[in-house]
Amino acid sequence: MNKEDKNKYRVEPKFNCEYQEDIVCPHCGDKDTDHEVDYDEECQEFSCGACEKKFDIVVHKEVSFSSMCLEGEHDYVKDDFHIDDMISCSRCGESHFTRFNKDNKE
């Protein structure tokens, strides 16, 4: 059986419970917008405030990072996209207002 045939027989859930901003009860569809969960526990048991049935939830975490040069290691250049007193690091993009001099230093 190919993938298209498998999808043809897939049961559509009554409520959209996956990857939601709020916890959705799979039994009654109630959205819990005032939830208290342990964000350090990936999988945990939860009780619906409307129908009082228990179910499992999975906490999805999105991780992102920002990085910048160490202080004193920036390669500051005049920032042509902003006003005259703005300089930005050509490597990491960190920028600030200052008087720009010919040596590309603060």
N, C-alpha and C. Protein backbone atom coordinates (compact mmCIF):
# COMPACT_ATOMS: atom_id res chain seq x y z
N MET A 1 0.85 -1.18 0.00
CA MET A 1 0.00 0.00 0.00
C MET A 1 0.90 1.24 0.00
N ASN A 2 0.66 2.13 -0.95
CA ASN A 2 1.50 3.33 -1.01
C ASN A 2 0.98 4.42 -0.05
N LYS A 3 1.73 5.51 0.02
CA LYS A 3 1.42 6.58 0.98
C LYS A 3 0.05 7.21 0.72
N GLU A 4 -0.31 7.39 -0.55
CA GLU A 4 -1.61 7.98 -0.88
C GLU A 4 -2.76 7.09 -0.41
N ASP A 5 -2.60 5.78 -0.54
CA ASP A 5 -3.63 4.86 -0.08
C ASP A 5 -3.76 4.89 1.43
N LYS A 6 -2.63 4.99 2.13
CA LYS A 6 -2.66 5.05 3.59
C LYS A 6 -3.39 6.31 4.07
N ASN A 7 -3.11 7.46 3.43
CA ASN A 7 -3.77 8.70 3.82
C ASN A 7 -5.27 8.67 3.53
N LYS A 8 -5.68 7.90 2.54
CA LYS A 8 -7.08 7.79 2.18
C LYS A 8 -7.88 7.14 3.32
N TYR A 9 -7.22 6.27 4.09
CA TYR A 9 -7.90 5.55 5.16
C TYR A 9 -7.64 6.14 6.54
N ARG A 10 -6.93 7.25 6.60
CA ARG A 10 -6.63 7.89 7.88
C ARG A 10 -7.90 8.50 8.47
N VAL A 11 -8.09 8.28 9.76
CA VAL A 11 -9.23 8.85 10.45
C VAL A 11 -8.92 10.29 10.81
N GLU A 12 -9.79 11.22 10.43
CA GLU A 12 -9.62 12.62 10.79
C GLU A 12 -10.08 12.81 12.23
N PRO A 13 -9.25 13.41 13.08
CA PRO A 13 -9.65 13.61 14.47
C PRO A 13 -10.79 14.63 14.56
N LYS A 14 -11.59 14.47 15.60
CA LYS A 14 -12.73 15.36 15.82
C LYS A 14 -12.26 16.77 16.18
N PHE A 15 -11.16 16.86 16.94
CA PHE A 15 -10.61 18.15 17.38
C PHE A 15 -9.14 18.23 16.98
N ASN A 16 -8.70 19.43 16.59
CA ASN A 16 -7.30 19.65 16.24
C ASN A 16 -6.52 19.86 17.54
N CYS A 17 -5.81 18.82 17.97
CA CYS A 17 -5.11 18.85 19.26
C CYS A 17 -3.59 18.93 19.12
N GLU A 18 -3.08 18.97 17.90
CA GLU A 18 -1.63 18.95 17.71
C GLU A 18 -1.07 20.34 17.45
N TYR A 19 0.05 20.64 18.12
CA TYR A 19 0.82 21.87 17.93
C TYR A 19 -0.06 23.12 18.05
N GLN A 20 -0.83 23.20 19.11
CA GLN A 20 -1.72 24.33 19.37
C GLN A 20 -1.11 25.26 20.42
N GLU A 21 -1.49 26.52 20.40
CA GLU A 21 -1.01 27.48 21.40
C GLU A 21 -1.62 27.19 22.77
N ASP A 22 -2.83 26.66 22.79
CA ASP A 22 -3.50 26.29 24.03
C ASP A 22 -3.70 24.78 24.06
N ILE A 23 -3.92 24.25 25.25
CA ILE A 23 -4.17 22.81 25.38
C ILE A 23 -5.61 22.54 24.97
N VAL A 24 -5.79 21.61 24.03
CA VAL A 24 -7.13 21.25 23.55
C VAL A 24 -7.46 19.86 24.07
N CYS A 25 -8.59 19.75 24.75
CA CYS A 25 -9.02 18.45 25.27
C CYS A 25 -9.43 17.55 24.11
N PRO A 26 -8.86 16.34 24.01
CA PRO A 26 -9.23 15.44 22.93
C PRO A 26 -10.61 14.80 23.13
N HIS A 27 -11.18 14.96 24.32
CA HIS A 27 -12.50 14.37 24.61
C HIS A 27 -13.64 15.32 24.25
N CYS A 28 -13.52 16.61 24.65
CA CYS A 28 -14.63 17.55 24.43
C CYS A 28 -14.27 18.74 23.56
N GLY A 29 -12.98 18.95 23.26
CA GLY A 29 -12.54 20.06 22.42
C GLY A 29 -12.35 21.37 23.14
N ASP A 30 -12.53 21.40 24.48
CA ASP A 30 -12.36 22.63 25.24
C ASP A 30 -10.91 23.09 25.16
N LYS A 31 -10.71 24.40 25.00
CA LYS A 31 -9.37 24.98 24.97
C LYS A 31 -9.06 25.56 26.34
N ASP A 32 -7.97 25.11 26.93
CA ASP A 32 -7.53 25.59 28.23
C ASP A 32 -6.50 26.69 28.01
N THR A 33 -6.95 27.94 28.17
CA THR A 33 -6.06 29.07 27.93
C THR A 33 -5.32 29.51 29.19
N ASP A 34 -5.73 29.00 30.33
CA ASP A 34 -5.12 29.38 31.61
C ASP A 34 -4.48 28.16 32.27
N HIS A 35 -3.64 27.48 31.51
CA HIS A 35 -3.07 26.22 31.97
C HIS A 35 -1.83 26.42 32.83
N GLU A 36 -1.69 25.54 33.78
CA GLU A 36 -0.48 25.49 34.61
C GLU A 36 0.19 24.15 34.34
N VAL A 37 1.27 24.21 33.60
CA VAL A 37 2.00 22.98 33.26
C VAL A 37 3.46 23.15 33.64
N ASP A 38 4.15 22.05 33.78
CA ASP A 38 5.58 22.04 34.04
C ASP A 38 6.29 22.01 32.69
N TYR A 39 6.84 23.15 32.28
CA TYR A 39 7.46 23.23 30.96
C TYR A 39 8.76 22.44 30.87
N ASP A 40 9.27 21.95 32.00
CA ASP A 40 10.47 21.12 31.98
C ASP A 40 10.14 19.66 31.70
N GLU A 41 8.89 19.26 31.91
CA GLU A 41 8.45 17.88 31.64
C GLU A 41 7.86 17.83 30.24
N GLU A 42 8.43 16.99 29.38
CA GLU A 42 7.96 16.93 28.00
C GLU A 42 6.56 16.33 27.92
N CYS A 43 6.33 15.21 28.61
CA CYS A 43 5.04 14.54 28.57
C CYS A 43 4.47 14.48 29.99
N GLN A 44 3.20 14.85 30.13
CA GLN A 44 2.58 14.86 31.45
C GLN A 44 1.07 14.67 31.34
N GLU A 45 0.47 14.27 32.45
CA GLU A 45 -0.98 14.08 32.49
C GLU A 45 -1.66 15.40 32.78
N PHE A 46 -2.83 15.60 32.19
CA PHE A 46 -3.57 16.85 32.33
C PHE A 46 -5.05 16.53 32.49
N SER A 47 -5.77 17.34 33.24
CA SER A 47 -7.21 17.18 33.43
C SER A 47 -7.94 18.34 32.78
N CYS A 48 -8.98 18.04 32.03
CA CYS A 48 -9.78 19.06 31.36
C CYS A 48 -10.63 19.80 32.40
N GLY A 49 -10.64 21.11 32.33
CA GLY A 49 -11.44 21.91 33.23
C GLY A 49 -12.92 21.87 32.91
N ALA A 50 -13.27 21.48 31.70
CA ALA A 50 -14.68 21.43 31.29
C ALA A 50 -15.31 20.06 31.54
N CYS A 51 -14.72 18.99 30.98
CA CYS A 51 -15.32 17.65 31.11
C CYS A 51 -14.67 16.83 32.21
N GLU A 52 -13.56 17.33 32.78
CA GLU A 52 -12.82 16.70 33.87
C GLU A 52 -12.17 15.37 33.51
N LYS A 53 -12.10 15.04 32.22
CA LYS A 53 -11.41 13.81 31.80
C LYS A 53 -9.91 14.08 31.76
N LYS A 54 -9.14 13.03 32.00
CA LYS A 54 -7.68 13.13 31.98
C LYS A 54 -7.16 12.71 30.61
N PHE A 55 -6.03 13.32 30.25
CA PHE A 55 -5.35 12.97 28.99
C PHE A 55 -3.90 13.39 29.11
N ASP A 56 -3.08 12.93 28.20
CA ASP A 56 -1.66 13.28 28.19
C ASP A 56 -1.44 14.48 27.28
N ILE A 57 -0.49 15.32 27.68
CA ILE A 57 -0.06 16.42 26.82
C ILE A 57 1.45 16.30 26.59
N VAL A 58 1.89 16.82 25.48
CA VAL A 58 3.31 16.90 25.16
C VAL A 58 3.64 18.38 25.01
N VAL A 59 4.66 18.83 25.74
CA VAL A 59 5.10 20.22 25.67
C VAL A 59 6.16 20.32 24.57
N HIS A 60 5.86 21.11 23.53
CA HIS A 60 6.81 21.33 22.44
C HIS A 60 7.57 22.61 22.73
N LYS A 61 8.87 22.56 22.59
CA LYS A 61 9.71 23.73 22.84
C LYS A 61 10.42 24.12 21.55
N GLU A 62 10.47 25.40 21.31
CA GLU A 62 11.21 25.90 20.16
C GLU A 62 12.43 26.64 20.69
N VAL A 63 13.59 26.24 20.22
CA VAL A 63 14.84 26.83 20.68
C VAL A 63 15.43 27.66 19.55
N SER A 64 15.87 28.86 19.88
CA SER A 64 16.60 29.67 18.92
C SER A 64 17.78 30.32 19.64
N PHE A 65 18.76 30.71 18.89
CA PHE A 65 19.98 31.27 19.47
C PHE A 65 20.32 32.60 18.80
N SER A 66 20.94 33.47 19.54
CA SER A 66 21.52 34.71 19.02
C SER A 66 22.98 34.71 19.45
N SER A 67 23.84 35.19 18.59
CA SER A 67 25.26 35.26 18.94
C SER A 67 25.82 36.59 18.48
N MET A 68 26.86 37.00 19.15
CA MET A 68 27.54 38.24 18.77
C MET A 68 29.01 38.13 19.15
N CYS A 69 29.80 38.96 18.54
CA CYS A 69 31.23 38.98 18.84
C CYS A 69 31.46 39.37 20.29
N LEU A 70 32.60 38.94 20.83
CA LEU A 70 32.98 39.37 22.17
C LEU A 70 33.30 40.86 22.14
N GLU A 71 33.09 41.51 23.27
CA GLU A 71 33.41 42.93 23.38
C GLU A 71 34.87 43.15 23.00
N GLY A 72 35.12 44.12 22.15
CA GLY A 72 36.47 44.40 21.70
C GLY A 72 36.86 43.65 20.43
N GLU A 73 36.03 42.70 19.97
CA GLU A 73 36.35 41.94 18.77
C GLU A 73 35.42 42.27 17.60
N HIS A 74 34.56 43.28 17.77
CA HIS A 74 33.67 43.69 16.70
C HIS A 74 34.46 44.36 15.57
N ASP A 75 33.98 44.23 14.37
CA ASP A 75 34.54 44.92 13.21
C ASP A 75 33.53 45.99 12.81
N TYR A 76 33.56 47.11 13.53
CA TYR A 76 32.58 48.16 13.29
C TYR A 76 32.84 48.90 11.99
N VAL A 77 31.78 49.12 11.25
CA VAL A 77 31.82 49.92 10.02
C VAL A 77 30.63 50.86 10.03
N LYS A 78 30.71 51.92 9.25
CA LYS A 78 29.61 52.87 9.16
C LYS A 78 28.39 52.15 8.60
N ASP A 79 27.26 52.36 9.21
CA ASP A 79 26.02 51.73 8.78
C ASP A 79 25.29 52.66 7.82
N ASP A 80 25.31 52.34 6.53
CA ASP A 80 24.70 53.20 5.51
C ASP A 80 23.18 53.13 5.51
N PHE A 81 22.60 52.16 6.22
CA PHE A 81 21.16 52.00 6.23
C PHE A 81 20.47 52.84 7.29
N HIS A 82 21.23 53.43 8.19
CA HIS A 82 20.67 54.23 9.27
C HIS A 82 21.23 55.64 9.23
N ILE A 83 21.07 56.37 10.28
CA ILE A 83 21.57 57.74 10.32
C ILE A 83 23.08 57.76 10.50
N ASP A 84 23.68 58.92 10.34
CA ASP A 84 25.14 59.07 10.31
C ASP A 84 25.87 58.56 11.54
N ASP A 85 25.27 58.62 12.72
CA ASP A 85 25.99 58.24 13.94
C ASP A 85 25.83 56.77 14.31
N MET A 86 25.43 55.91 13.37
CA MET A 86 25.22 54.48 13.64
C MET A 86 26.36 53.68 13.03
N ILE A 87 26.96 52.79 13.84
CA ILE A 87 27.94 51.84 13.31
C ILE A 87 27.47 50.43 13.65
N SER A 88 27.86 49.49 12.79
CA SER A 88 27.47 48.09 12.97
C SER A 88 28.66 47.19 12.75
N CYS A 89 28.66 46.05 13.44
CA CYS A 89 29.71 45.06 13.24
C CYS A 89 29.44 44.33 11.93
N SER A 90 30.48 44.24 11.09
CA SER A 90 30.31 43.57 9.79
C SER A 90 30.16 42.06 9.93
N ARG A 91 30.50 41.51 11.10
CA ARG A 91 30.40 40.06 11.30
C ARG A 91 29.07 39.66 11.95
N CYS A 92 28.70 40.31 13.06
CA CYS A 92 27.52 39.84 13.81
C CYS A 92 26.32 40.78 13.71
N GLY A 93 26.52 42.00 13.20
CA GLY A 93 25.42 42.92 13.03
C GLY A 93 25.10 43.78 14.23
N GLU A 94 25.80 43.59 15.35
CA GLU A 94 25.56 44.41 16.54
C GLU A 94 25.81 45.86 16.16
N SER A 95 24.90 46.75 16.57
CA SER A 95 25.05 48.15 16.19
C SER A 95 24.73 49.07 17.35
N HIS A 96 25.23 50.27 17.26
CA HIS A 96 24.92 51.29 18.27
C HIS A 96 25.28 52.67 17.73
N PHE A 97 24.78 53.68 18.42
CA PHE A 97 25.07 55.06 18.06
C PHE A 97 26.43 55.45 18.61
N THR A 98 27.21 56.11 17.80
CA THR A 98 28.51 56.64 18.22
C THR A 98 29.03 57.54 17.11
N ARG A 99 30.05 58.23 17.39
CA ARG A 99 30.73 59.00 16.36
C ARG A 99 31.67 58.05 15.64
N PHE A 100 31.58 57.97 14.31
CA PHE A 100 32.39 57.08 13.50
C PHE A 100 33.71 57.79 13.16
N ASN A 101 34.84 57.08 13.38
CA ASN A 101 36.11 57.68 12.97
C ASN A 101 36.75 56.84 11.88
N LYS A 102 37.79 57.34 11.28
CA LYS A 102 38.41 56.69 10.13
C LYS A 102 39.06 55.35 10.45
N ASP A 103 39.35 55.07 11.72
CA ASP A 103 40.00 53.82 12.10
C ASP A 103 39.00 52.69 12.35
N ASN A 104 37.72 52.92 12.12
CA ASN A 104 36.66 51.93 12.36
C ASN A 104 36.61 51.46 13.80
N LYS A 105 36.92 52.33 14.72
CA LYS A 105 36.89 51.97 16.13
C LYS A 105 35.95 52.92 16.85
N GLU A 106 35.52 52.49 18.06
CA GLU A 106 34.62 53.33 18.85
C GLU A 106 35.33 54.59 19.30
